[in-house]
Amino acid sequence: MNVYKRLANVQGVLKAPKNQFNSFGKYNYRSCEDILEAAKPLCIEQGLLLSLSDTPINVGNSNYIEATARVIDIESGEKHEVTASARESVTKKGMDDSQITGTASSYARKYALNGLFCIDDTKDSDTDEHVKQTESKPERKITTKQLIDLAASKGFDEEYLKKKASVSDVKYIKADVKIQYYDQLSTLQDKE
């Protein structure tokens, strides 16, 4: 089996859900680390070594980080790689220079991994499609009991939820299971 067949096997089963929540922009996203956590065991099963590397590039007055995501067939040494770039911000409030570079690296690596594993990000927050999709879907309501159950699954007790929870806490509690949970609720409600 060559590197492309092994990679296709990984692509066929890889699931990297958007488990992170940006409370400022109010969207779910996946991080580079989320993709790596999902991909590493699958690559090992297929006999692939997964690696990432960065190259700083200067174009005029702008600095870019070019990230390369590659898989190497452990038996044959064949490899396949994908690159993606991200421009460093000139300044970013509250960040020093190394943090700005790290942010560009994380972003470029995420998109290199997306390309390598054919992860479709048409619903990502930085696409026009995301805006259209989020505007067209009405939000369903959940009961207090359902919210308490969700909170418990994330380590929040009922007392905290009732007396101290902020709006951000509630959004965090609902964020990563919201769609799946709502779909399950709809099915249950339809049967009642």
C-alpha atoms as a PDB file:
ATOM      1  CA  MET A   1       0.000   0.000   0.000  1.00  0.00           C
ATOM      2  CA  ASN A   2       1.465   3.398  -0.962  1.00  0.00           C
ATOM      3  CA  VAL A   3       1.359   6.666   0.958  1.00  0.00           C
ATOM      4  CA  TYR A   4      -1.685   7.900  -0.979  1.00  0.00           C
ATOM      5  CA  LYS A   5      -3.796   4.829  -0.165  1.00  0.00           C
ATOM      6  CA  ARG A   6      -2.825   5.103   3.497  1.00  0.00           C
ATOM      7  CA  LEU A   7      -3.648   8.816   3.514  1.00  0.00           C
ATOM      8  CA  ALA A   8      -6.985   8.139   1.799  1.00  0.00           C
ATOM      9  CA  ASN A   9      -7.810   5.637   4.560  1.00  0.00           C
ATOM     10  CA  VAL A  10      -7.138   8.316   7.189  1.00  0.00           C
ATOM     11  CA  GLN A  11      -9.175  10.913   5.279  1.00  0.00           C
ATOM     12  CA  GLY A  12     -12.079   8.469   5.036  1.00  0.00           C
ATOM     13  CA  VAL A  13     -12.523   8.137   8.797  1.00  0.00           C
ATOM     14  CA  LEU A  14     -11.054  11.327  10.277  1.00  0.00           C
ATOM     15  CA  LYS A  15     -13.505  13.304  12.398  1.00  0.00           C
ATOM     16  CA  ALA A  16     -12.329  16.644  13.779  1.00  0.00           C
ATOM     17  CA  PRO A  17     -15.401  18.377  15.192  1.00  0.00           C
ATOM     18  CA  LYS A  18     -15.466  22.052  16.035  1.00  0.00           C
ATOM     19  CA  ASN A  19     -15.344  21.725  19.815  1.00  0.00           C
ATOM     20  CA  GLN A  20     -13.922  25.168  20.567  1.00  0.00           C
ATOM     21  CA  PHE A  21     -16.184  28.198  21.052  1.00  0.00           C
ATOM     22  CA  ASN A  22     -15.284  31.822  20.376  1.00  0.00           C
ATOM     23  CA  SER A  23     -17.545  33.817  22.689  1.00  0.00           C
ATOM     24  CA  PHE A  24     -16.602  37.134  21.070  1.00  0.00           C
ATOM     25  CA  GLY A  25     -17.512  36.064  17.523  1.00  0.00           C
ATOM     26  CA  LYS A  26     -20.099  33.528  18.728  1.00  0.00           C
ATOM     27  CA  TYR A  27     -18.960  30.617  16.583  1.00  0.00           C
ATOM     28  CA  ASN A  28     -17.569  27.128  16.977  1.00  0.00           C
ATOM     29  CA  TYR A  29     -14.221  26.228  15.497  1.00  0.00           C
ATOM     30  CA  ARG A  30     -11.567  23.522  15.532  1.00  0.00           C
ATOM     31  CA  SER A  31      -7.975  24.231  16.473  1.00  0.00           C
ATOM     32  CA  CYS A  32      -4.765  22.780  15.101  1.00  0.00           C
ATOM     33  CA  GLU A  33      -4.553  20.712  18.292  1.00  0.00           C
ATOM     34  CA  ASP A  34      -8.063  19.310  17.710  1.00  0.00           C
ATOM     35  CA  ILE A  35      -7.061  18.097  14.255  1.00  0.00           C
ATOM     36  CA  LEU A  36      -3.812  16.599  15.554  1.00  0.00           C
ATOM     37  CA  GLU A  37      -5.617  14.790  18.376  1.00  0.00           C
ATOM     38  CA  ALA A  38      -7.968  13.167  15.862  1.00  0.00           C
ATOM     39  CA  ALA A  39      -5.347  12.482  13.172  1.00  0.00           C
ATOM     40  CA  LYS A  40      -2.375  11.059  15.101  1.00  0.00           C
ATOM     41  CA  PRO A  41      -3.918   7.710  16.113  1.00  0.00           C
ATOM     42  CA  LEU A  42      -5.314   7.186  12.599  1.00  0.00           C
ATOM     43  CA  CYS A  43      -1.933   7.924  11.032  1.00  0.00           C
ATOM     44  CA  ILE A  44      -0.235   5.459  13.380  1.00  0.00           C
ATOM     45  CA  GLU A  45      -2.801   2.774  12.452  1.00  0.00           C
ATOM     46  CA  GLN A  46      -2.001   3.356   8.775  1.00  0.00           C
ATOM     47  CA  GLY A  47       1.774   3.342   9.248  1.00  0.00           C
ATOM     48  CA  LEU A  48       2.136   7.065   8.591  1.00  0.00           C
ATOM     49  CA  LEU A  49       4.362   9.522  10.405  1.00  0.00           C
ATOM     50  CA  LEU A  50       2.700  12.937  10.691  1.00  0.00           C
ATOM     51  CA  SER A  51       4.917  16.008  10.973  1.00  0.00           C
ATOM     52  CA  LEU A  52       4.597  19.787  10.874  1.00  0.00           C
ATOM     53  CA  SER A  53       7.197  22.429  10.146  1.00  0.00           C
ATOM     54  CA  ASP A  54       7.229  26.202   9.764  1.00  0.00           C
ATOM     55  CA  THR A  55       9.236  28.526   7.558  1.00  0.00           C
ATOM     56  CA  PRO A  56       9.263  32.286   8.119  1.00  0.00           C
ATOM     57  CA  ILE A  57       8.912  34.267   4.891  1.00  0.00           C
ATOM     58  CA  ASN A  58       9.308  38.012   4.409  1.00  0.00           C
ATOM     59  CA  VAL A  59       7.438  39.702   1.554  1.00  0.00           C
ATOM     60  CA  GLY A  60       8.031  43.446   1.448  1.00  0.00           C
ATOM     61  CA  ASN A  61       7.171  44.724   4.905  1.00  0.00           C
ATOM     62  CA  SER A  62       5.033  41.711   5.814  1.00  0.00           C
ATOM     63  CA  ASN A  63       6.081  38.565   7.639  1.00  0.00           C
ATOM     64  CA  TYR A  64       4.400  35.253   6.878  1.00  0.00           C
ATOM     65  CA  ILE A  65       4.632  31.827   8.389  1.00  0.00           C
ATOM     66  CA  GLU A  66       4.442  29.018   5.864  1.00  0.00           C
ATOM     67  CA  ALA A  67       3.458  25.773   7.538  1.00  0.00           C
ATOM     68  CA  THR A  68       3.941  22.361   5.976  1.00  0.00           C
ATOM     69  CA  ALA A  69       1.930  19.344   7.074  1.00  0.00           C
ATOM     70  CA  ARG A  70       3.298  16.041   5.817  1.00  0.00           C
ATOM     71  CA  VAL A  71       2.711  12.347   6.158  1.00  0.00           C
ATOM     72  CA  ILE A  72       5.532   9.885   5.541  1.00  0.00           C
ATOM     73  CA  ASP A  73       4.935   6.203   4.878  1.00  0.00           C
ATOM     74  CA  ILE A  74       7.051   4.556   7.583  1.00  0.00           C
ATOM     75  CA  GLU A  75       7.817   1.503   5.434  1.00  0.00           C
ATOM     76  CA  SER A  76       8.624   3.087   2.061  1.00  0.00           C
ATOM     77  CA  GLY A  77       9.624   6.633   3.000  1.00  0.00           C
ATOM     78  CA  GLU A  78       7.140   8.041   0.467  1.00  0.00           C
ATOM     79  CA  LYS A  79       5.662  11.342   1.561  1.00  0.00           C
ATOM     80  CA  HIS A  80       2.874  13.733   0.745  1.00  0.00           C
ATOM     81  CA  GLU A  81       2.758  17.298   2.000  1.00  0.00           C
ATOM     82  CA  VAL A  82       0.600  20.410   1.896  1.00  0.00           C
ATOM     83  CA  THR A  83       1.586  23.982   2.735  1.00  0.00           C
ATOM     84  CA  ALA A  84      -0.434  26.963   3.928  1.00  0.00           C
ATOM     85  CA  SER A  85       0.583  30.486   4.906  1.00  0.00           C
ATOM     86  CA  ALA A  86      -0.571  33.060   7.418  1.00  0.00           C
ATOM     87  CA  ARG A  87       0.554  36.670   7.737  1.00  0.00           C
ATOM     88  CA  GLU A  88       1.716  37.894  11.107  1.00  0.00           C
ATOM     89  CA  SER A  89      -0.234  40.827  12.494  1.00  0.00           C
ATOM     90  CA  VAL A  90       1.865  43.954  12.867  1.00  0.00           C
ATOM     91  CA  THR A  91       0.508  44.353  16.398  1.00  0.00           C
ATOM     92  CA  LYS A  92      -2.054  42.527  18.446  1.00  0.00           C
ATOM     93  CA  LYS A  93      -3.289  43.949  21.713  1.00  0.00           C
ATOM     94  CA  GLY A  94      -1.885  42.075  24.696  1.00  0.00           C
ATOM     95  CA  MET A  95       0.588  39.973  22.679  1.00  0.00           C
ATOM     96  CA  ASP A  96       4.335  40.161  22.400  1.00  0.00           C
ATOM     97  CA  ASP A  97       6.195  39.421  19.142  1.00  0.00           C
ATOM     98  CA  SER A  98       6.660  35.713  19.835  1.00  0.00           C
ATOM     99  CA  GLN A  99       2.946  35.286  20.565  1.00  0.00           C
ATOM    100  CA  ILE A 100       2.060  37.030  17.296  1.00  0.00           C
ATOM    101  CA  THR A 101       4.341  34.620  15.423  1.00  0.00           C
ATOM    102  CA  GLY A 102       2.825  31.682  17.326  1.00  0.00           C
ATOM    103  CA  THR A 103      -0.680  32.763  16.341  1.00  0.00           C
ATOM    104  CA  ALA A 104       0.313  32.903  12.656  1.00  0.00           C
ATOM    105  CA  SER A 105       1.988  29.496  12.986  1.00  0.00           C
ATOM    106  CA  SER A 106      -1.111  27.904  14.558  1.00  0.00           C
ATOM    107  CA  TYR A 107      -3.357  29.351  11.867  1.00  0.00           C
ATOM    108  CA  ALA A 108      -1.092  28.240   9.002  1.00  0.00           C
ATOM    109  CA  ARG A 109      -0.649  24.760  10.511  1.00  0.00           C
ATOM    110  CA  LYS A 110      -4.412  24.359  10.912  1.00  0.00           C
ATOM    111  CA  TYR A 111      -4.993  25.132   7.246  1.00  0.00           C
ATOM    112  CA  ALA A 112      -2.105  22.943   6.095  1.00  0.00           C
ATOM    113  CA  LEU A 113      -3.667  20.073   8.075  1.00  0.00           C
ATOM    114  CA  ASN A 114      -7.078  20.901   6.580  1.00  0.00           C
ATOM    115  CA  GLY A 115      -5.546  20.551   3.127  1.00  0.00           C
ATOM    116  CA  LEU A 116      -3.647  17.365   3.946  1.00  0.00           C
ATOM    117  CA  PHE A 117      -6.675  15.606   5.401  1.00  0.00           C
ATOM    118  CA  CYS A 118      -9.297  17.229   3.117  1.00  0.00           C
ATOM    119  CA  ILE A 119     -11.198  18.793   5.985  1.00  0.00           C
ATOM    120  CA  ASP A 120     -13.952  20.970   4.552  1.00  0.00           C
ATOM    121  CA  ASP A 121     -14.151  24.311   6.316  1.00  0.00           C
ATOM    122  CA  THR A 122     -16.903  25.985   4.319  1.00  0.00           C
ATOM    123  CA  LYS A 123     -18.727  26.609   7.602  1.00  0.00           C
ATOM    124  CA  ASP A 124     -15.707  28.257   9.253  1.00  0.00           C
ATOM    125  CA  SER A 125     -16.197  31.667  10.776  1.00  0.00           C
ATOM    126  CA  ASP A 126     -13.863  33.288   8.270  1.00  0.00           C
ATOM    127  CA  THR A 127     -15.992  32.414   5.226  1.00  0.00           C
ATOM    128  CA  ASP A 128     -19.027  34.136   3.746  1.00  0.00           C
ATOM    129  CA  GLU A 129     -20.805  30.784   3.737  1.00  0.00           C
ATOM    130  CA  HIS A 130     -20.633  30.677   7.552  1.00  0.00           C
ATOM    131  CA  VAL A 131     -22.468  33.994   7.784  1.00  0.00           C
ATOM    132  CA  LYS A 132     -25.213  32.796   5.416  1.00  0.00           C
ATOM    133  CA  GLN A 133     -25.655  29.521   7.291  1.00  0.00           C
ATOM    134  CA  THR A 134     -25.755  31.036  10.755  1.00  0.00           C
ATOM    135  CA  GLU A 135     -28.221  33.735   9.708  1.00  0.00           C
ATOM    136  CA  SER A 136     -30.641  31.237   8.194  1.00  0.00           C
ATOM    137  CA  LYS A 137     -30.882  28.813  11.136  1.00  0.00           C
ATOM    138  CA  PRO A 138     -33.247  29.753  13.952  1.00  0.00           C
ATOM    139  CA  GLU A 139     -31.993  28.830  17.407  1.00  0.00           C
ATOM    140  CA  ARG A 140     -34.067  26.295  19.283  1.00  0.00           C
ATOM    141  CA  LYS A 141     -34.766  26.720  22.976  1.00  0.00           C
ATOM    142  CA  ILE A 142     -33.926  24.143  25.609  1.00  0.00           C
ATOM    143  CA  THR A 143     -35.508  23.662  29.007  1.00  0.00           C
ATOM    144  CA  THR A 144     -33.835  24.501  32.320  1.00  0.00           C
ATOM    145  CA  LYS A 145     -33.634  20.765  33.123  1.00  0.00           C
ATOM    146  CA  GLN A 146     -31.848  20.087  29.822  1.00  0.00           C
ATOM    147  CA  LEU A 147     -29.438  22.951  30.516  1.00  0.00           C
ATOM    148  CA  ILE A 148     -28.728  21.565  34.010  1.00  0.00           C
ATOM    149  CA  ASP A 149     -28.000  18.128  32.506  1.00  0.00           C
ATOM    150  CA  LEU A 150     -25.621  19.687  29.977  1.00  0.00           C
ATOM    151  CA  ALA A 151     -23.945  21.713  32.730  1.00  0.00           C
ATOM    152  CA  ALA A 152     -23.403  18.596  34.836  1.00  0.00           C
ATOM    153  CA  SER A 153     -21.717  16.873  31.886  1.00  0.00           C
ATOM    154  CA  LYS A 154     -19.233  19.765  31.782  1.00  0.00           C
ATOM    155  CA  GLY A 155     -18.546  19.848  35.503  1.00  0.00           C
ATOM    156  CA  PHE A 156     -20.898  22.675  36.539  1.00  0.00           C
ATOM    157  CA  ASP A 157     -23.219  21.862  39.414  1.00  0.00           C
ATOM    158  CA  GLU A 158     -26.855  22.979  39.524  1.00  0.00           C
ATOM    159  CA  GLU A 159     -26.252  25.457  42.382  1.00  0.00           C
ATOM    160  CA  TYR A 160     -23.496  27.256  40.426  1.00  0.00           C
ATOM    161  CA  LEU A 161     -25.694  27.359  37.336  1.00  0.00           C
ATOM    162  CA  LYS A 162     -28.615  28.905  39.223  1.00  0.00           C
ATOM    163  CA  LYS A 163     -26.671  31.482  41.276  1.00  0.00           C
ATOM    164  CA  LYS A 164     -23.333  32.321  39.649  1.00  0.00           C
ATOM    165  CA  ALA A 165     -23.300  31.286  35.981  1.00  0.00           C
ATOM    166  CA  SER A 166     -22.692  34.078  33.516  1.00  0.00           C
ATOM    167  CA  VAL A 167     -24.072  34.279  29.988  1.00  0.00           C
ATOM    168  CA  SER A 168     -20.634  33.149  28.745  1.00  0.00           C
ATOM    169  CA  ASP A 169     -20.790  30.079  31.001  1.00  0.00           C
ATOM    170  CA  VAL A 170     -24.188  29.137  29.616  1.00  0.00           C
ATOM    171  CA  LYS A 171     -23.006  29.572  26.018  1.00  0.00           C
ATOM    172  CA  TYR A 172     -19.943  27.432  26.779  1.00  0.00           C
ATOM    173  CA  ILE A 173     -22.132  24.740  28.323  1.00  0.00           C
ATOM    174  CA  LYS A 174     -24.353  24.614  25.221  1.00  0.00           C
ATOM    175  CA  ALA A 175     -21.763  25.211  22.502  1.00  0.00           C
ATOM    176  CA  ASP A 176     -20.182  21.925  21.478  1.00  0.00           C
ATOM    177  CA  VAL A 177     -23.195  19.655  21.939  1.00  0.00           C
ATOM    178  CA  LYS A 178     -25.858  22.099  20.860  1.00  0.00           C
ATOM    179  CA  ILE A 179     -26.666  20.809  17.372  1.00  0.00           C
ATOM    180  CA  GLN A 180     -26.477  17.124  18.258  1.00  0.00           C
ATOM    181  CA  TYR A 181     -28.449  17.675  21.451  1.00  0.00           C
ATOM    182  CA  TYR A 182     -31.119  19.736  19.699  1.00  0.00           C
ATOM    183  CA  ASP A 183     -31.497  17.074  17.024  1.00  0.00           C
ATOM    184  CA  GLN A 184     -31.972  14.439  19.728  1.00  0.00           C
ATOM    185  CA  LEU A 185     -34.520  16.662  21.497  1.00  0.00           C
ATOM    186  CA  SER A 186     -36.443  17.208  18.264  1.00  0.00           C
ATOM    187  CA  THR A 187     -36.665  13.468  17.695  1.00  0.00           C
ATOM    188  CA  LEU A 188     -37.906  12.919  21.244  1.00  0.00           C
ATOM    189  CA  GLN A 189     -40.449  15.754  21.012  1.00  0.00           C
ATOM    190  CA  ASP A 190     -41.756  14.448  17.681  1.00  0.00           C
ATOM    191  CA  LYS A 191     -42.470  11.064  19.347  1.00  0.00           C
ATOM    192  CA  GLU A 192     -44.361  12.601  22.269  1.00  0.00           C
END
